[in-house]
């Protein structure tokens, strides 16, 4: 009904109420009933005229008080929720090498940034004392070996005593063990690469004294990298191995898809988190300790759907949305009370209140009321809040 008829209706009502004496209540009631009938007839006439005109002029409804709205069809795809956590690149082959024994650093064979292969010598310590000891042991061993061989021949011929034979054998074996131990000590004077990789840092300086645990060389292999991240215990049990993860490499401004390789089972008592490990595709230009952002799916529901969060309103009865409804040939907006779940990325899960087959009032939803007539815009039609008279 257009607003231009309202003054006429009010005039009828007012005249009906004031034409009788003030004390004639029955007469006023009769006049009021008559006015109501006339108003109902007038509304019906207005409605018929609007329908007749709209059949001949498709733009007519745009000039009424009907609110023009954009419809939103519910997408019944599963609702998913994600969280973001910070992680850092780590390497299973990022090691700091030190000497197993003390000694003077004799020579440093590598420099920072150099590629080395497994077993290649990196640093050597002064081993002159051990080499001299080994030479002396070898000389003694040759003598002990000769004596043992001669004593063995005599014993086989039943010449000499068993004690003489056993002593010669023991001397020979003792020197063999001492030579082996000295060779092992000599090996400890050389620090070799445990795997192929890159020399990241060299702390060793020729002429300095090395000691067990003192850093000499740090090596890294970039082919065995992964990402580790601490996740709040709030999400314990929500992730498992092989779950999909999206990794944002901040320094490269690049996103890659991968999976979880391991989930920690122990909560860190200091920060109440557990650790997860994420696979990292080989060949990426990343480095240990580089910062990343992980997007992890912590919730998914295949039995619910979502709608834009901004469409959900609240009154004293609860939360609701407006849906499009056809009643008595008119298109109106109706309140539908809903029970929302969690929200993510501008959408909210709907647990109850909608079946998923409704059409929701989208743009223009703030300009409608329950039962208000609406006009559903076509996809290419621009939306204005309320059409002007």
Protein backbone atom coordinates (compact mmCIF):
# COMPACT_ATOMS: atom_id res chain seq x y z
CA UNK A 1 0.00 0.00 0.00
CA UNK A 2 1.41 3.39 -0.99
CA UNK A 3 1.78 6.25 1.49
CA UNK A 4 -0.30 8.64 -0.65
CA UNK A 5 -3.51 6.89 0.53
CA UNK A 6 -2.72 7.20 4.23
CA UNK A 7 -3.99 10.84 4.61
CA UNK A 8 -7.31 9.84 3.02
CA UNK A 9 -7.71 6.91 5.40
CA UNK A 10 -6.89 9.06 8.43
CA UNK A 11 -9.42 11.67 7.30
CA UNK A 12 -12.14 9.03 7.09
CA UNK A 13 -11.35 7.69 10.53
CA UNK A 14 -11.12 11.14 12.17
CA UNK A 15 -14.32 12.36 10.59
CA UNK A 16 -16.10 9.23 11.69
CA UNK A 17 -14.91 9.69 15.25
CA UNK A 18 -15.77 13.44 15.51
CA UNK A 19 -19.11 13.64 13.64
CA UNK A 20 -21.10 12.43 16.64
CA UNK A 21 -21.62 14.03 20.02
CA UNK A 22 -18.92 13.31 22.57
CA UNK A 23 -21.30 11.52 24.89
CA UNK A 24 -22.84 9.31 22.23
CA UNK A 25 -20.57 6.22 22.69
CA UNK A 26 -22.76 3.83 20.76
CA UNK A 27 -22.87 6.16 17.82
CA UNK A 28 -19.10 6.46 17.86
CA UNK A 29 -18.71 2.69 17.90
CA UNK A 30 -20.99 2.39 14.91
CA UNK A 31 -19.08 5.06 13.06
CA UNK A 32 -15.78 3.33 13.90
CA UNK A 33 -17.02 0.01 12.59
CA UNK A 34 -18.11 1.70 9.39
CA UNK A 35 -14.70 3.37 9.04
CA UNK A 36 -12.93 0.06 9.57
CA UNK A 37 -14.98 -1.56 6.83
CA UNK A 38 -14.24 1.33 4.51
CA UNK A 39 -10.53 1.06 5.36
CA UNK A 40 -10.50 -2.69 4.64
CA UNK A 41 -12.25 -2.10 1.33
CA UNK A 42 -9.79 0.65 0.51
CA UNK A 43 -6.79 -1.59 1.31
CA UNK A 44 -8.22 -4.34 -0.89
CA UNK A 45 -8.76 -1.86 -3.70
CA UNK A 46 -5.22 -0.54 -3.34
CA UNK A 47 -3.83 -4.08 -3.44
CA UNK A 48 -5.85 -4.91 -6.57
CA UNK A 49 -4.71 -1.73 -8.28
CA UNK A 50 -1.05 -2.45 -7.43
CA UNK A 51 -1.33 -5.95 -8.89
CA UNK A 52 -3.02 -4.69 -12.07
CA UNK A 53 -0.44 -1.96 -12.55
CA UNK A 54 2.51 -4.27 -11.86
CA UNK A 55 1.30 -6.61 -14.62
CA UNK A 56 1.58 -3.78 -17.11
CA UNK A 57 4.56 -1.95 -15.55
CA UNK A 58 7.38 -4.18 -14.20
CA UNK A 59 9.07 -1.20 -12.56
CA UNK A 60 6.02 -0.19 -10.56
CA UNK A 61 6.92 -2.09 -7.39
CA UNK A 62 10.20 -0.22 -7.23
CA UNK A 63 8.17 2.90 -6.58
CA UNK A 64 6.30 1.48 -3.57
CA UNK A 65 7.36 0.93 0.03
CA UNK A 66 8.37 -2.65 -0.77
CA UNK A 67 11.99 -3.15 0.31
CA UNK A 68 14.34 -4.25 -2.42
CA UNK A 69 16.62 -7.04 -1.14
CA UNK A 70 19.28 -9.36 -2.51
CA UNK A 71 18.63 -13.07 -1.93
CA UNK A 72 21.23 -15.42 -0.46
CA UNK A 73 20.93 -19.12 -1.21
CA UNK A 74 22.35 -21.39 1.46
CA UNK A 75 25.40 -23.33 0.35
CA UNK A 76 25.07 -26.76 1.91
CA UNK A 77 28.76 -27.63 1.80
CA UNK A 78 30.39 -28.87 5.07
CA UNK A 79 31.36 -26.19 7.56
CA UNK A 80 35.06 -26.01 8.41
CA UNK A 81 36.96 -24.04 11.04
CA UNK A 82 40.69 -23.32 10.94
CA UNK A 83 43.27 -21.92 13.32
CA UNK A 84 46.60 -20.27 12.61
CA UNK A 85 49.78 -20.94 14.57
CA UNK A 86 53.33 -19.78 14.13
CA UNK A 87 56.00 -22.33 13.35
CA UNK A 88 59.67 -22.37 12.47
CA UNK A 89 61.74 -24.32 10.00
CA UNK A 90 63.94 -26.99 11.55
CA UNK A 91 66.42 -29.53 10.21
CA UNK A 92 67.13 -33.05 11.37
CA UNK A 93 70.63 -32.45 10.06
CA UNK A 94 71.56 -29.22 11.73
CA UNK A 95 74.43 -30.17 14.01
CA UNK A 96 77.30 -28.54 15.84
CA UNK A 97 80.45 -30.65 15.84
CA UNK A 98 83.02 -30.65 18.62
CA UNK A 99 86.10 -32.67 19.54
CA UNK A 100 85.78 -35.89 21.53
CA UNK A 101 89.08 -35.23 23.25
CA UNK A 102 91.19 -32.21 24.11
CA UNK A 103 94.07 -31.01 21.99
CA UNK A 104 95.56 -28.19 19.98
CA UNK A 105 93.76 -27.38 16.71
CA UNK A 106 96.32 -28.19 14.05
CA UNK A 107 94.42 -27.34 10.87
CA UNK A 108 90.99 -26.16 9.70
CA UNK A 109 90.17 -27.56 6.27
CA UNK A 110 86.84 -25.82 5.52
CA UNK A 111 85.28 -22.37 5.42
CA UNK A 112 81.73 -21.14 5.96
CA UNK A 113 79.37 -21.84 3.06
CA UNK A 114 81.48 -24.68 1.71
CA UNK A 115 79.77 -27.85 0.49
CA UNK A 116 81.26 -31.03 1.95
CA UNK A 117 80.61 -34.73 1.57
CA UNK A 118 80.09 -37.37 4.21
CA UNK A 119 83.41 -38.40 5.82
CA UNK A 120 85.33 -35.36 4.58
CA UNK A 121 87.87 -33.98 7.11
CA UNK A 122 86.82 -30.64 8.61
CA UNK A 123 89.27 -30.04 11.44
CA UNK A 124 92.31 -31.92 12.74
CA UNK A 125 94.01 -31.73 16.15
CA UNK A 126 97.71 -32.08 16.90
CA UNK A 127 98.33 -35.81 17.31
CA UNK A 128 102.15 -35.98 17.36
CA UNK A 129 102.27 -37.65 20.77
CA UNK A 130 99.83 -40.34 19.69
CA UNK A 131 101.68 -40.94 16.44
CA UNK A 132 104.96 -41.41 18.32
CA UNK A 133 103.26 -43.74 20.78
CA UNK A 134 101.78 -45.73 17.91
CA UNK A 135 105.19 -46.07 16.22
CA UNK A 136 106.70 -47.36 19.48
CA UNK A 137 103.86 -49.82 19.96
CA UNK A 138 104.21 -51.13 16.45
CA UNK A 139 107.94 -51.72 17.00
CA UNK A 140 107.25 -53.58 20.23
CA UNK A 141 104.52 -55.54 18.53
CA UNK A 142 106.86 -56.82 15.82
CA UNK A 143 109.20 -58.16 18.49
CA UNK A 144 106.34 -59.68 20.51
CA UNK A 145 104.92 -61.27 17.38
CA UNK A 146 108.29 -62.88 16.47
CA UNK A 147 108.76 -64.23 19.99
CA UNK A 148 105.20 -65.62 20.01
CA UNK A 149 105.66 -67.38 16.67
CA UNK A 150 108.93 -69.00 17.80
CA UNK A 151 107.48 -69.99 21.16
CA UNK A 152 104.44 -71.47 19.41
CA UNK A 153 106.67 -73.68 17.21
CA UNK A 154 108.62 -74.88 20.25
CA UNK A 155 105.40 -75.63 22.14
CA UNK A 156 104.06 -77.60 19.21
CA UNK A 157 107.30 -79.69 19.36
CA UNK A 158 106.77 -80.17 23.12
CA UNK A 159 109.81 -78.01 23.84
CA UNK A 160 109.65 -75.43 26.63
CA UNK A 161 106.89 -74.82 29.13
CA UNK A 162 103.28 -73.83 28.64
CA UNK A 163 103.83 -70.71 30.75
CA UNK A 164 106.44 -69.42 28.32
CA UNK A 165 104.04 -69.97 25.41
CA UNK A 166 101.13 -68.21 27.18
CA UNK A 167 103.28 -65.24 28.17
CA UNK A 168 104.41 -64.72 24.58
CA UNK A 169 100.81 -64.97 23.38
CA UNK A 170 99.59 -62.51 26.00
CA UNK A 171 102.29 -59.94 25.17
CA UNK A 172 101.38 -60.09 21.49
CA UNK A 173 97.61 -59.69 22.14
CA UNK A 174 98.18 -56.88 24.65
CA UNK A 175 100.18 -54.88 22.11
CA UNK A 176 97.50 -55.51 19.46
CA UNK A 177 94.87 -54.05 21.80
CA UNK A 178 97.05 -51.03 22.65
CA UNK A 179 97.65 -50.36 18.95
CA UNK A 180 93.89 -50.53 18.27
CA UNK A 181 93.18 -48.13 21.17
CA UNK A 182 95.82 -45.70 19.95
CA UNK A 183 94.38 -45.79 16.43
CA UNK A 184 90.96 -45.01 17.89
CA UNK A 185 92.44 -42.05 19.76
CA UNK A 186 94.08 -40.86 16.56
CA UNK A 187 90.71 -41.03 14.79
CA UNK A 188 89.25 -38.78 17.49
CA UNK A 189 91.82 -36.13 16.62
CA UNK A 190 90.08 -35.67 13.26
CA UNK A 191 86.58 -34.11 13.03
CA UNK A 192 84.86 -35.38 9.91
CA UNK A 193 81.50 -34.55 8.24
CA UNK A 194 78.78 -36.94 9.52
CA UNK A 195 76.71 -36.32 6.38
CA UNK A 196 76.87 -34.36 3.13
CA UNK A 197 75.81 -30.76 3.50
CA UNK A 198 76.96 -27.18 3.93
CA UNK A 199 79.32 -25.73 6.51
CA UNK A 200 77.21 -23.05 8.17
CA UNK A 201 79.67 -21.76 10.77
CA UNK A 202 83.32 -22.33 11.66
CA UNK A 203 84.37 -21.55 15.24
CA UNK A 204 87.65 -23.47 15.14
CA UNK A 205 90.86 -21.46 14.88
CA UNK A 206 94.24 -23.00 14.21
CA UNK A 207 96.43 -22.92 17.30
CA UNK A 208 93.56 -22.80 19.79
CA UNK A 209 92.84 -25.59 22.23
CA UNK A 210 89.84 -27.78 21.56
CA UNK A 211 87.88 -29.43 24.35
CA UNK A 212 84.96 -31.88 24.44
CA UNK A 213 81.70 -29.98 23.92
CA UNK A 214 83.38 -26.84 22.60
CA UNK A 215 81.80 -25.90 19.20
CA UNK A 216 84.13 -26.22 16.24
CA UNK A 217 81.98 -26.47 13.10
CA UNK A 218 78.23 -26.30 12.45
CA UNK A 219 76.80 -28.20 9.48
CA UNK A 220 73.39 -28.08 7.84
CA UNK A 221 71.69 -30.24 5.23
CA UNK A 222 68.75 -28.36 3.63
CA UNK A 223 67.30 -31.52 2.11
CA UNK A 224 65.88 -32.80 5.39
CA UNK A 225 63.89 -29.79 6.60
CA UNK A 226 60.56 -29.76 8.43
CA UNK A 227 58.42 -27.31 10.37
CA UNK A 228 57.76 -27.50 14.08
CA UNK A 229 55.10 -25.52 15.93
CA UNK A 230 53.67 -25.30 19.43
CA UNK A 231 49.88 -25.63 19.62
CA UNK A 232 47.75 -24.75 22.65
CA UNK A 233 46.56 -27.70 24.71
CA UNK A 234 43.03 -26.44 23.98
CA UNK A 235 43.34 -28.21 20.62
CA UNK A 236 44.78 -31.47 21.94
CA UNK A 237 43.27 -34.44 20.15
CA UNK A 238 42.01 -32.39 17.20
CA UNK A 239 44.93 -33.09 14.88
CA UNK A 240 46.41 -36.32 13.61
CA UNK A 241 49.13 -37.53 11.30
CA UNK A 242 48.55 -36.83 7.58
CA UNK A 243 46.03 -34.01 8.24
CA UNK A 244 46.33 -31.33 5.56
CA UNK A 245 48.13 -28.09 6.42
CA UNK A 246 48.63 -24.86 4.52
CA UNK A 247 52.02 -23.26 5.18
CA UNK A 248 52.68 -19.59 4.56
CA UNK A 249 56.39 -18.86 4.11
CA UNK A 250 56.60 -15.25 5.22
CA UNK A 251 59.99 -14.44 3.73
CA UNK A 252 59.00 -15.85 0.32
CA UNK A 253 55.39 -14.59 0.48
CA UNK A 254 54.40 -18.05 -0.70
CA UNK A 255 51.85 -20.67 0.36
CA UNK A 256 52.41 -24.41 0.07
CA UNK A 257 50.17 -27.34 0.94
CA UNK A 258 51.54 -30.21 2.99
CA UNK A 259 50.58 -32.60 5.81
CA UNK A 260 51.26 -33.20 9.49
CA UNK A 261 54.02 -35.76 9.98
CA UNK A 262 53.88 -36.09 13.79
CA UNK A 263 51.77 -34.91 16.72
CA UNK A 264 53.28 -34.62 20.19
CA UNK A 265 51.63 -36.55 23.00
CA UNK A 266 53.11 -34.57 25.89
CA UNK A 267 51.97 -31.14 27.12
CA UNK A 268 54.78 -28.73 27.87
CA UNK A 269 54.14 -27.63 31.50
CA UNK A 270 55.85 -24.27 30.94
CA UNK A 271 53.61 -22.94 28.15
CA UNK A 272 50.78 -25.55 28.11
CA UNK A 273 51.36 -26.51 24.48
CA UNK A 274 52.14 -29.63 22.50
CA UNK A 275 54.37 -29.83 19.45
CA UNK A 276 53.46 -30.83 15.91
CA UNK A 277 55.77 -31.48 12.99
CA UNK A 278 54.86 -30.66 9.42
CA UNK A 279 56.48 -31.98 6.27
CA UNK A 280 58.28 -29.47 4.09
CA UNK A 281 58.65 -29.94 0.35
CA UNK A 282 62.32 -30.36 -0.67
CA UNK A 283 63.82 -27.68 -2.87
CA UNK A 284 62.27 -24.65 -1.20
CA UNK A 285 64.62 -21.76 -0.50
CA UNK A 286 64.09 -21.85 3.27
CA UNK A 287 66.49 -22.06 6.18
CA UNK A 288 66.42 -23.42 9.74
CA UNK A 289 64.66 -21.14 12.26
CA UNK A 290 62.79 -19.31 9.50
CA UNK A 291 59.30 -18.18 10.65
CA UNK A 292 56.17 -19.69 9.04
CA UNK A 293 52.42 -19.51 9.61
CA UNK A 294 50.45 -22.76 9.65
CA UNK A 295 46.72 -22.97 8.90
CA UNK A 296 45.25 -26.07 10.56
CA UNK A 297 41.68 -27.38 10.35
CA UNK A 298 40.49 -28.09 13.88
CA UNK A 299 36.77 -28.62 13.17
CA UNK A 300 34.59 -29.88 10.35
CA UNK A 301 30.87 -30.72 10.27
CA UNK A 302 29.22 -32.47 7.35
CA UNK A 303 25.75 -32.25 8.96
CA UNK A 304 25.50 -28.48 9.12
CA UNK A 305 25.93 -25.49 6.87
CA UNK A 306 26.90 -21.86 7.24
CA UNK A 307 25.57 -18.44 6.35
CA UNK A 308 27.22 -14.98 6.35
CA UNK A 309 27.70 -13.91 9.96
CA UNK A 310 26.58 -10.34 9.30
CA UNK A 311 23.04 -11.53 8.44
CA UNK A 312 22.44 -12.87 11.96
CA UNK A 313 20.62 -10.41 14.22
CA UNK A 314 19.44 -10.56 17.82
CA UNK A 315 16.34 -9.55 19.75
CA UNK A 316 14.99 -10.38 23.21
CA UNK A 317 13.92 -13.83 22.00
CA UNK A 318 17.27 -14.84 20.55
CA UNK A 319 19.21 -14.72 17.29
CA UNK A 320 17.49 -14.75 13.94
CA UNK A 321 17.76 -14.15 10.21
CA UNK A 322 15.17 -12.98 7.73
CA UNK A 323 14.06 -15.49 5.13
CA UNK A 324 12.07 -14.92 1.96
CA UNK A 325 8.52 -16.24 2.15
CA UNK A 326 5.57 -16.10 -0.23
CA UNK A 327 2.19 -15.55 1.45
CA UNK A 328 -1.15 -14.79 -0.19
CA UNK A 329 0.62 -13.92 -3.41
CA UNK A 330 2.97 -11.47 -1.72
CA UNK A 331 6.68 -11.86 -1.05
CA UNK A 332 7.49 -11.01 2.55
CA UNK A 333 10.37 -11.24 4.99
CA UNK A 334 9.93 -13.58 7.94
CA UNK A 335 12.02 -13.99 11.06
CA UNK A 336 13.62 -17.40 11.47
CA UNK A 337 15.22 -17.96 14.85
CA UNK A 338 18.43 -19.97 14.68
CA UNK A 339 21.00 -21.56 16.97
CA UNK A 340 24.43 -20.58 15.61
CA UNK A 341 27.61 -22.54 16.17
CA UNK A 342 31.14 -21.28 15.68
CA UNK A 343 32.20 -18.67 13.14
CA UNK A 344 35.10 -18.54 10.71
CA UNK A 345 36.09 -16.23 7.88
CA UNK A 346 32.84 -14.25 7.90
CA UNK A 347 30.55 -17.28 8.05
CA UNK A 348 28.71 -18.88 10.97
CA UNK A 349 27.63 -22.49 11.36
CA UNK A 350 23.86 -22.97 11.78
CA UNK A 351 22.97 -25.85 14.11
CA UNK A 352 19.21 -25.38 14.35
CA UNK A 353 16.43 -23.24 12.90
CA UNK A 354 17.01 -23.67 9.16
CA UNK A 355 16.70 -26.68 6.90
CA UNK A 356 19.13 -25.37 4.30
CA UNK A 357 16.49 -24.97 1.59
CA UNK A 358 15.51 -21.41 2.52
CA UNK A 359 16.40 -18.23 0.71
CA UNK A 360 17.82 -15.70 3.15
CA UNK A 361 17.42 -11.95 2.93
CA UNK A 362 20.89 -10.68 2.11
CA UNK A 363 21.67 -7.08 1.24
CA UNK A 364 18.88 -4.89 2.53
CA UNK A 365 18.29 -7.13 5.58
CA UNK A 366 18.57 -4.17 7.98
CA UNK A 367 15.71 -2.36 6.25
CA UNK A 368 13.07 -5.07 6.61
CA UNK A 369 10.82 -6.08 9.47
CA UNK A 370 8.96 -9.29 10.19
CA UNK A 371 6.16 -9.59 7.63
CA UNK A 372 7.31 -6.62 5.54
CA UNK A 373 6.74 -6.87 1.81
CA UNK A 374 9.93 -7.21 -0.14
CA UNK A 375 11.07 -7.24 -3.72
CA UNK A 376 13.75 -9.76 -4.60
CA UNK A 377 16.32 -8.20 -6.87
CA UNK A 378 17.70 -9.93 -9.89
CA UNK A 379 21.41 -10.79 -9.84
CA UNK A 380 22.31 -7.81 -12.03
CA UNK A 381 19.96 -5.37 -10.27
CA UNK A 382 21.60 -2.79 -7.97
CA UNK A 383 20.34 -2.75 -4.38
CA UNK A 384 19.01 0.38 -2.71
CA UNK A 385 17.83 0.35 0.88
CA UNK A 386 14.22 1.49 0.39
CA UNK A 387 12.74 2.80 -2.80
CA UNK A 388 11.72 6.44 -2.65
CA UNK A 389 8.17 7.56 -3.35
